[in-house]
PDB file of N, CA and C in Angstrom:
ATOM      1  N   MET A   1      -1.871 -35.032  11.911  1.00  0.00           N
ATOM      2  CA  MET A   1      -1.329 -34.682  10.610  1.00  0.00           C
ATOM      3  C   MET A   1      -2.452 -34.433   9.604  1.00  0.00           C
ATOM      4  N   PHE A   2      -3.477 -35.265   9.641  1.00  0.00           N
ATOM      5  CA  PHE A   2      -4.588 -35.128   8.695  1.00  0.00           C
ATOM      6  C   PHE A   2      -5.299 -33.795   8.871  1.00  0.00           C
ATOM      7  N   PHE A   3      -5.541 -33.401  10.131  1.00  0.00           N
ATOM      8  CA  PHE A   3      -6.268 -32.160  10.384  1.00  0.00           C
ATOM      9  C   PHE A   3      -5.438 -30.945  10.020  1.00  0.00           C
ATOM     10  N   ALA A   4      -4.132 -31.012  10.234  1.00  0.00           N
ATOM     11  CA  ALA A   4      -3.265 -29.894   9.859  1.00  0.00           C
ATOM     12  C   ALA A   4      -3.262 -29.697   8.354  1.00  0.00           C
ATOM     13  N   ALA A   5      -3.214 -30.775   7.609  1.00  0.00           N
ATOM     14  CA  ALA A   5      -3.233 -30.676   6.150  1.00  0.00           C
ATOM     15  C   ALA A   5      -4.563 -30.111   5.669  1.00  0.00           C
ATOM     16  N   ARG A   6      -5.655 -30.530   6.290  1.00  0.00           N
ATOM     17  CA  ARG A   6      -6.970 -30.024   5.907  1.00  0.00           C
ATOM     18  C   ARG A   6      -7.077 -28.530   6.209  1.00  0.00           C
ATOM     19  N   GLY A   7      -6.559 -28.095   7.361  1.00  0.00           N
ATOM     20  CA  GLY A   7      -6.578 -26.672   7.716  1.00  0.00           C
ATOM     21  C   GLY A   7      -5.760 -25.842   6.747  1.00  0.00           C
ATOM     22  N   SER A   8      -4.615 -26.377   6.322  1.00  0.00           N
ATOM     23  CA  SER A   8      -3.790 -25.673   5.347  1.00  0.00           C
ATOM     24  C   SER A   8      -4.509 -25.563   4.009  1.00  0.00           C
ATOM     25  N   LEU A   9      -5.187 -26.607   3.634  1.00  0.00           N
ATOM     26  CA  LEU A   9      -5.927 -26.604   2.376  1.00  0.00           C
ATOM     27  C   LEU A   9      -7.026 -25.548   2.401  1.00  0.00           C
ATOM     28  N   VAL A  10      -7.737 -25.441   3.494  1.00  0.00           N
ATOM     29  CA  VAL A  10      -8.790 -24.432   3.626  1.00  0.00           C
ATOM     30  C   VAL A  10      -8.191 -23.035   3.566  1.00  0.00           C
ATOM     31  N   GLY A  11      -7.083 -22.834   4.266  1.00  0.00           N
ATOM     32  CA  GLY A  11      -6.437 -21.523   4.273  1.00  0.00           C
ATOM     33  C   GLY A  11      -5.977 -21.088   2.896  1.00  0.00           C
ATOM     34  N   VAL A  12      -5.352 -21.981   2.164  1.00  0.00           N
ATOM     35  CA  VAL A  12      -4.893 -21.666   0.813  1.00  0.00           C
ATOM     36  C   VAL A  12      -6.087 -21.429  -0.109  1.00  0.00           C
ATOM     37  N   GLY A  13      -7.137 -22.231   0.048  1.00  0.00           N
ATOM     38  CA  GLY A  13      -8.334 -22.029  -0.767  1.00  0.00           C
ATOM     39  C   GLY A  13      -8.960 -20.665  -0.537  1.00  0.00           C
ATOM     40  N   LEU A  14      -9.006 -20.233   0.717  1.00  0.00           N
ATOM     41  CA  LEU A  14      -9.556 -18.911   1.011  1.00  0.00           C
ATOM     42  C   LEU A  14      -8.662 -17.797   0.463  1.00  0.00           C
ATOM     43  N   LEU A  15      -7.369 -18.003   0.511  1.00  0.00           N
ATOM     44  CA  LEU A  15      -6.436 -17.019  -0.045  1.00  0.00           C
ATOM     45  C   LEU A  15      -6.623 -16.896  -1.559  1.00  0.00           C
ATOM     46  N   VAL A  16      -6.758 -18.019  -2.241  1.00  0.00           N
ATOM     47  CA  VAL A  16      -6.991 -17.998  -3.685  1.00  0.00           C
ATOM     48  C   VAL A  16      -8.300 -17.289  -4.000  1.00  0.00           C
ATOM     49  N   ARG A  17      -9.333 -17.568  -3.218  1.00  0.00           N
ATOM     50  CA  ARG A  17     -10.629 -16.915  -3.446  1.00  0.00           C
ATOM     51  C   ARG A  17     -10.534 -15.407  -3.219  1.00  0.00           C
ATOM     52  N   GLY A  18      -9.755 -15.006  -2.223  1.00  0.00           N
ATOM     53  CA  GLY A  18      -9.545 -13.579  -1.983  1.00  0.00           C
ATOM     54  C   GLY A  18      -8.882 -12.889  -3.163  1.00  0.00           C
ATOM     55  N   TYR A  19      -7.899 -13.555  -3.765  1.00  0.00           N
ATOM     56  CA  TYR A  19      -7.247 -12.995  -4.948  1.00  0.00           C
ATOM     57  C   TYR A  19      -8.201 -12.922  -6.132  1.00  0.00           C
ATOM     58  N   GLN A  20      -9.173 -13.818  -6.193  1.00  0.00           N
ATOM     59  CA  GLN A  20     -10.150 -13.777  -7.279  1.00  0.00           C
ATOM     60  C   GLN A  20     -11.136 -12.626  -7.109  1.00  0.00           C
ATOM     61  N   LEU A  21     -11.416 -12.256  -5.870  1.00  0.00           N
ATOM     62  CA  LEU A  21     -12.458 -11.270  -5.611  1.00  0.00           C
ATOM     63  C   LEU A  21     -11.971  -9.825  -5.587  1.00  0.00           C
ATOM     64  N   THR A  22     -10.678  -9.598  -5.407  1.00  0.00           N
ATOM     65  CA  THR A  22     -10.192  -8.227  -5.295  1.00  0.00           C
ATOM     66  C   THR A  22      -8.843  -8.080  -5.982  1.00  0.00           C
ATOM     67  N   ARG A  23      -8.328  -6.866  -5.965  1.00  0.00           N
ATOM     68  CA  ARG A  23      -7.011  -6.600  -6.571  1.00  0.00           C
ATOM     69  C   ARG A  23      -5.922  -7.336  -5.785  1.00  0.00           C
ATOM     70  N   ALA A  24      -4.914  -7.793  -6.485  1.00  0.00           N
ATOM     71  CA  ALA A  24      -3.821  -8.521  -5.842  1.00  0.00           C
ATOM     72  C   ALA A  24      -3.078  -7.635  -4.845  1.00  0.00           C
ATOM     73  N   SER A  25      -2.939  -6.352  -5.138  1.00  0.00           N
ATOM     74  CA  SER A  25      -2.220  -5.457  -4.225  1.00  0.00           C
ATOM     75  C   SER A  25      -2.962  -5.310  -2.897  1.00  0.00           C
ATOM     76  N   LEU A  26      -4.261  -5.439  -2.900  1.00  0.00           N
ATOM     77  CA  LEU A  26      -5.031  -5.366  -1.663  1.00  0.00           C
ATOM     78  C   LEU A  26      -5.020  -6.701  -0.926  1.00  0.00           C
ATOM     79  N   ALA A  27      -5.184  -7.782  -1.649  1.00  0.00           N
ATOM     80  CA  ALA A  27      -5.236  -9.106  -1.022  1.00  0.00           C
ATOM     81  C   ALA A  27      -3.886  -9.519  -0.454  1.00  0.00           C
ATOM     82  N   SER A  28      -2.801  -9.100  -1.088  1.00  0.00           N
ATOM     83  CA  SER A  28      -1.471  -9.521  -0.638  1.00  0.00           C
ATOM     84  C   SER A  28      -1.131  -8.962   0.738  1.00  0.00           C
ATOM     85  N   VAL A  29      -1.733  -7.851   1.122  1.00  0.00           N
ATOM     86  CA  VAL A  29      -1.474  -7.276   2.444  1.00  0.00           C
ATOM     87  C   VAL A  29      -1.891  -8.250   3.541  1.00  0.00           C
ATOM     88  N   PHE A  30      -2.939  -9.010   3.317  1.00  0.00           N
ATOM     89  CA  PHE A  30      -3.415  -9.937   4.328  1.00  0.00           C
ATOM     90  C   PHE A  30      -2.501 -11.147   4.488  1.00  0.00           C
ATOM     91  N   GLU A  31      -1.636 -11.389   3.516  1.00  0.00           N
ATOM     92  CA  GLU A  31      -0.668 -12.472   3.668  1.00  0.00           C
ATOM     93  C   GLU A  31       0.334 -12.163   4.776  1.00  0.00           C
ATOM     94  N   TYR A  32       0.500 -10.901   5.087  1.00  0.00           N
ATOM     95  CA  TYR A  32       1.432 -10.514   6.139  1.00  0.00           C
ATOM     96  C   TYR A  32       0.939 -10.925   7.523  1.00  0.00           C
ATOM     97  N   SER A  33      -0.309 -11.322   7.640  1.00  0.00           N
ATOM     98  CA  SER A  33      -0.801 -11.806   8.929  1.00  0.00           C
ATOM     99  C   SER A  33      -0.158 -13.138   9.308  1.00  0.00           C
ATOM    100  N   VAL A  34       0.495 -13.784   8.358  1.00  0.00           N
ATOM    101  CA  VAL A  34       1.190 -15.040   8.631  1.00  0.00           C
ATOM    102  C   VAL A  34       2.344 -14.803   9.607  1.00  0.00           C
ATOM    103  N   LEU A  35       2.998 -13.665   9.525  1.00  0.00           N
ATOM    104  CA  LEU A  35       4.158 -13.394  10.378  1.00  0.00           C
ATOM    105  C   LEU A  35       3.822 -13.418  11.865  1.00  0.00           C
ATOM    106  N   PRO A  36       2.882 -12.604  12.334  1.00  0.00           N
ATOM    107  CA  PRO A  36       2.586 -12.672  13.766  1.00  0.00           C
ATOM    108  C   PRO A  36       1.952 -13.993  14.188  1.00  0.00           C
ATOM    109  N   MET A  37       1.190 -14.623  13.290  1.00  0.00           N
ATOM    110  CA  MET A  37       0.597 -15.913  13.639  1.00  0.00           C
ATOM    111  C   MET A  37       1.676 -16.986  13.790  1.00  0.00           C
ATOM    112  N   ALA A  38       2.692 -16.961  12.932  1.00  0.00           N
ATOM    113  CA  ALA A  38       3.788 -17.922  13.047  1.00  0.00           C
ATOM    114  C   ALA A  38       4.545 -17.715  14.350  1.00  0.00           C
ATOM    115  N   ALA A  39       4.757 -16.449  14.718  1.00  0.00           N
ATOM    116  CA  ALA A  39       5.435 -16.159  15.983  1.00  0.00           C
ATOM    117  C   ALA A  39       4.584 -16.627  17.168  1.00  0.00           C
ATOM    118  N   LEU A  40       3.287 -16.399  17.096  1.00  0.00           N
ATOM    119  CA  LEU A  40       2.395 -16.817  18.179  1.00  0.00           C
ATOM    120  C   LEU A  40       2.386 -18.334  18.332  1.00  0.00           C
ATOM    121  N   TRP A  41       2.225 -19.050  17.223  1.00  0.00           N
ATOM    122  CA  TRP A  41       2.189 -20.517  17.285  1.00  0.00           C
ATOM    123  C   TRP A  41       3.541 -21.083  17.718  1.00  0.00           C
ATOM    124  N   GLY A  42       4.618 -20.453  17.263  1.00  0.00           N
ATOM    125  CA  GLY A  42       5.941 -20.898  17.700  1.00  0.00           C
ATOM    126  C   GLY A  42       6.112 -20.763  19.200  1.00  0.00           C
ATOM    127  N   TRP A  43       5.569 -19.682  19.742  1.00  0.00           N
ATOM    128  CA  TRP A  43       5.655 -19.460  21.191  1.00  0.00           C
ATOM    129  C   TRP A  43       4.744 -20.423  21.953  1.00  0.00           C
ATOM    130  N   LEU A  44       3.507 -20.590  21.472  1.00  0.00           N
ATOM    131  CA  LEU A  44       2.551 -21.453  22.172  1.00  0.00           C
ATOM    132  C   LEU A  44       2.931 -22.928  22.117  1.00  0.00           C
ATOM    133  N   ILE A  45       3.382 -23.382  20.971  1.00  0.00           N
ATOM    134  CA  ILE A  45       3.640 -24.813  20.801  1.00  0.00           C
ATOM    135  C   ILE A  45       5.039 -25.215  21.250  1.00  0.00           C
ATOM    136  N   TRP A  46       6.040 -24.430  20.833  1.00  0.00           N
ATOM    137  CA  TRP A  46       7.420 -24.835  21.101  1.00  0.00           C
ATOM    138  C   TRP A  46       8.131 -23.950  22.118  1.00  0.00           C
ATOM    139  N   GLY A  47       7.469 -22.912  22.604  1.00  0.00           N
ATOM    140  CA  GLY A  47       8.100 -22.024  23.568  1.00  0.00           C
ATOM    141  C   GLY A  47       9.215 -21.188  22.966  1.00  0.00           C
ATOM    142  N   GLU A  48       9.184 -20.990  21.683  1.00  0.00           N
ATOM    143  CA  GLU A  48      10.209 -20.231  20.962  1.00  0.00           C
ATOM    144  C   GLU A  48       9.840 -18.755  20.958  1.00  0.00           C
ATOM    145  N   VAL A  49      10.737 -17.928  21.456  1.00  0.00           N
ATOM    146  CA  VAL A  49      10.510 -16.481  21.492  1.00  0.00           C
ATOM    147  C   VAL A  49      11.342 -15.842  20.383  1.00  0.00           C
ATOM    148  N   PRO A  50      10.714 -15.064  19.490  1.00  0.00           N
ATOM    149  CA  PRO A  50      11.480 -14.429  18.414  1.00  0.00           C
ATOM    150  C   PRO A  50      12.480 -13.417  18.989  1.00  0.00           C
ATOM    151  N   GLY A  51      13.654 -13.389  18.398  1.00  0.00           N
ATOM    152  CA  GLY A  51      14.681 -12.457  18.824  1.00  0.00           C
ATOM    153  C   GLY A  51      14.441 -11.061  18.274  1.00  0.00           C
ATOM    154  N   VAL A  52      15.317 -10.155  18.649  1.00  0.00           N
ATOM    155  CA  VAL A  52      15.197  -8.759  18.211  1.00  0.00           C
ATOM    156  C   VAL A  52      15.310  -8.668  16.694  1.00  0.00           C
ATOM    157  N   ALA A  53      16.231  -9.402  16.095  1.00  0.00           N
ATOM    158  CA  ALA A  53      16.400  -9.357  14.642  1.00  0.00           C
ATOM    159  C   ALA A  53      15.147  -9.866  13.930  1.00  0.00           C
ATOM    160  N   ALA A  54      14.534 -10.930  14.437  1.00  0.00           N
ATOM    161  CA  ALA A  54      13.318 -11.469  13.825  1.00  0.00           C
ATOM    162  C   ALA A  54      12.166 -10.469  13.937  1.00  0.00           C
ATOM    163  N   LEU A  55      12.025  -9.846  15.092  1.00  0.00           N
ATOM    164  CA  LEU A  55      10.969  -8.850  15.271  1.00  0.00           C
ATOM    165  C   LEU A  55      11.197  -7.628  14.384  1.00  0.00           C
ATOM    166  N   ALA A  56      12.450  -7.205  14.265  1.00  0.00           N
ATOM    167  CA  ALA A  56      12.758  -6.073  13.382  1.00  0.00           C
ATOM    168  C   ALA A  56      12.450  -6.426  11.931  1.00  0.00           C
ATOM    169  N   GLY A  57      12.787  -7.642  11.520  1.00  0.00           N
ATOM    170  CA  GLY A  57      12.479  -8.081  10.162  1.00  0.00           C
ATOM    171  C   GLY A  57      10.989  -8.128   9.901  1.00  0.00           C
ATOM    172  N   MET A  58      10.231  -8.627  10.880  1.00  0.00           N
ATOM    173  CA  MET A  58       8.770  -8.656  10.741  1.00  0.00           C
ATOM    174  C   MET A  58       8.219  -7.242  10.613  1.00  0.00           C
ATOM    175  N   GLY A  59       8.761  -6.337  11.389  1.00  0.00           N
ATOM    176  CA  GLY A  59       8.323  -4.941  11.321  1.00  0.00           C
ATOM    177  C   GLY A  59       8.601  -4.322   9.962  1.00  0.00           C
ATOM    178  N   LEU A  60       9.783  -4.592   9.418  1.00  0.00           N
ATOM    179  CA  LEU A  60      10.123  -4.055   8.094  1.00  0.00           C
ATOM    180  C   LEU A  60       9.228  -4.630   7.004  1.00  0.00           C
ATOM    181  N   ILE A  61       8.962  -5.917   7.072  1.00  0.00           N
ATOM    182  CA  ILE A  61       8.088  -6.555   6.084  1.00  0.00           C
ATOM    183  C   ILE A  61       6.677  -5.988   6.182  1.00  0.00           C
ATOM    184  N   PHE A  62       6.195  -5.804   7.409  1.00  0.00           N
ATOM    185  CA  PHE A  62       4.858  -5.251   7.617  1.00  0.00           C
ATOM    186  C   PHE A  62       4.784  -3.809   7.102  1.00  0.00           C
ATOM    187  N   ALA A  63       5.805  -3.010   7.394  1.00  0.00           N
ATOM    188  CA  ALA A  63       5.833  -1.618   6.936  1.00  0.00           C
ATOM    189  C   ALA A  63       5.866  -1.554   5.409  1.00  0.00           C
ATOM    190  N   ALA A  64       6.618  -2.450   4.770  1.00  0.00           N
ATOM    191  CA  ALA A  64       6.663  -2.475   3.309  1.00  0.00           C
ATOM    192  C   ALA A  64       5.295  -2.832   2.733  1.00  0.00           C
ATOM    193  N   GLY A  65       4.596  -3.752   3.377  1.00  0.00           N
ATOM    194  CA  GLY A  65       3.250  -4.101   2.917  1.00  0.00           C
ATOM    195  C   GLY A  65       2.288  -2.936   3.024  1.00  0.00           C
ATOM    196  N   LEU A  66       2.391  -2.177   4.119  1.00  0.00           N
ATOM    197  CA  LEU A  66       1.540  -0.991   4.251  1.00  0.00           C
ATOM    198  C   LEU A  66       1.867   0.055   3.201  1.00  0.00           C
ATOM    199  N   LEU A  67       3.148   0.223   2.908  1.00  0.00           N
ATOM    200  CA  LEU A  67       3.550   1.178   1.879  1.00  0.00           C
ATOM    201  C   LEU A  67       3.006   0.766   0.517  1.00  0.00           C
ATOM    202  N   ILE A  68       3.105  -0.501   0.200  1.00  0.00           N
ATOM    203  CA  ILE A  68       2.580  -0.989  -1.080  1.00  0.00           C
ATOM    204  C   ILE A  68       1.069  -0.788  -1.160  1.00  0.00           C
ATOM    205  N   ALA A  69       0.378  -1.079  -0.068  1.00  0.00           N
ATOM    206  CA  ALA A  69      -1.083  -0.922  -0.049  1.00  0.00           C
ATOM    207  C   ALA A  69      -1.479   0.547  -0.206  1.00  0.00           C
ATOM    208  N   SER A  70      -0.755   1.437   0.449  1.00  0.00           N
ATOM    209  CA  SER A  70      -1.108   2.857   0.358  1.00  0.00           C
ATOM    210  C   SER A  70      -0.806   3.423  -1.026  1.00  0.00           C
ATOM    211  N   ARG A  71       0.225   2.930  -1.681  1.00  0.00           N
ATOM    212  CA  ARG A  71       0.573   3.416  -3.022  1.00  0.00           C
ATOM    213  C   ARG A  71      -0.374   2.866  -4.079  1.00  0.00           C
ATOM    214  N   SER A  72      -1.025   1.760  -3.820  1.00  0.00           N
ATOM    215  CA  SER A  72      -1.902   1.161  -4.832  1.00  0.00           C
ATOM    216  C   SER A  72      -3.254   1.869  -4.903  1.00  0.00           C
ATOM    217  N   ARG A  73      -3.528   2.720  -3.959  1.00  0.00           N
ATOM    218  CA  ARG A  73      -4.818   3.429  -3.974  1.00  0.00           C
ATOM    219  C   ARG A  73      -4.843   4.471  -4.994  1.00  0.00           C
TER     220      ARG A  73
END
């Protein structure tokens, strides 16, 4: 539990630093990496396989992030 909390703290700290160093529209795209990582950890740790609806939702969220990033240029 202690190590998980420390890892989360480091991750959030790096995310905050990223927002300080660049535009929010650019940094927010990297938050979408949480989706595939959550699916990967869910599969590795609990053997949970995302369903078709979950994968479609992840795809839509990812596509929206790319659209936002491309429009901010």
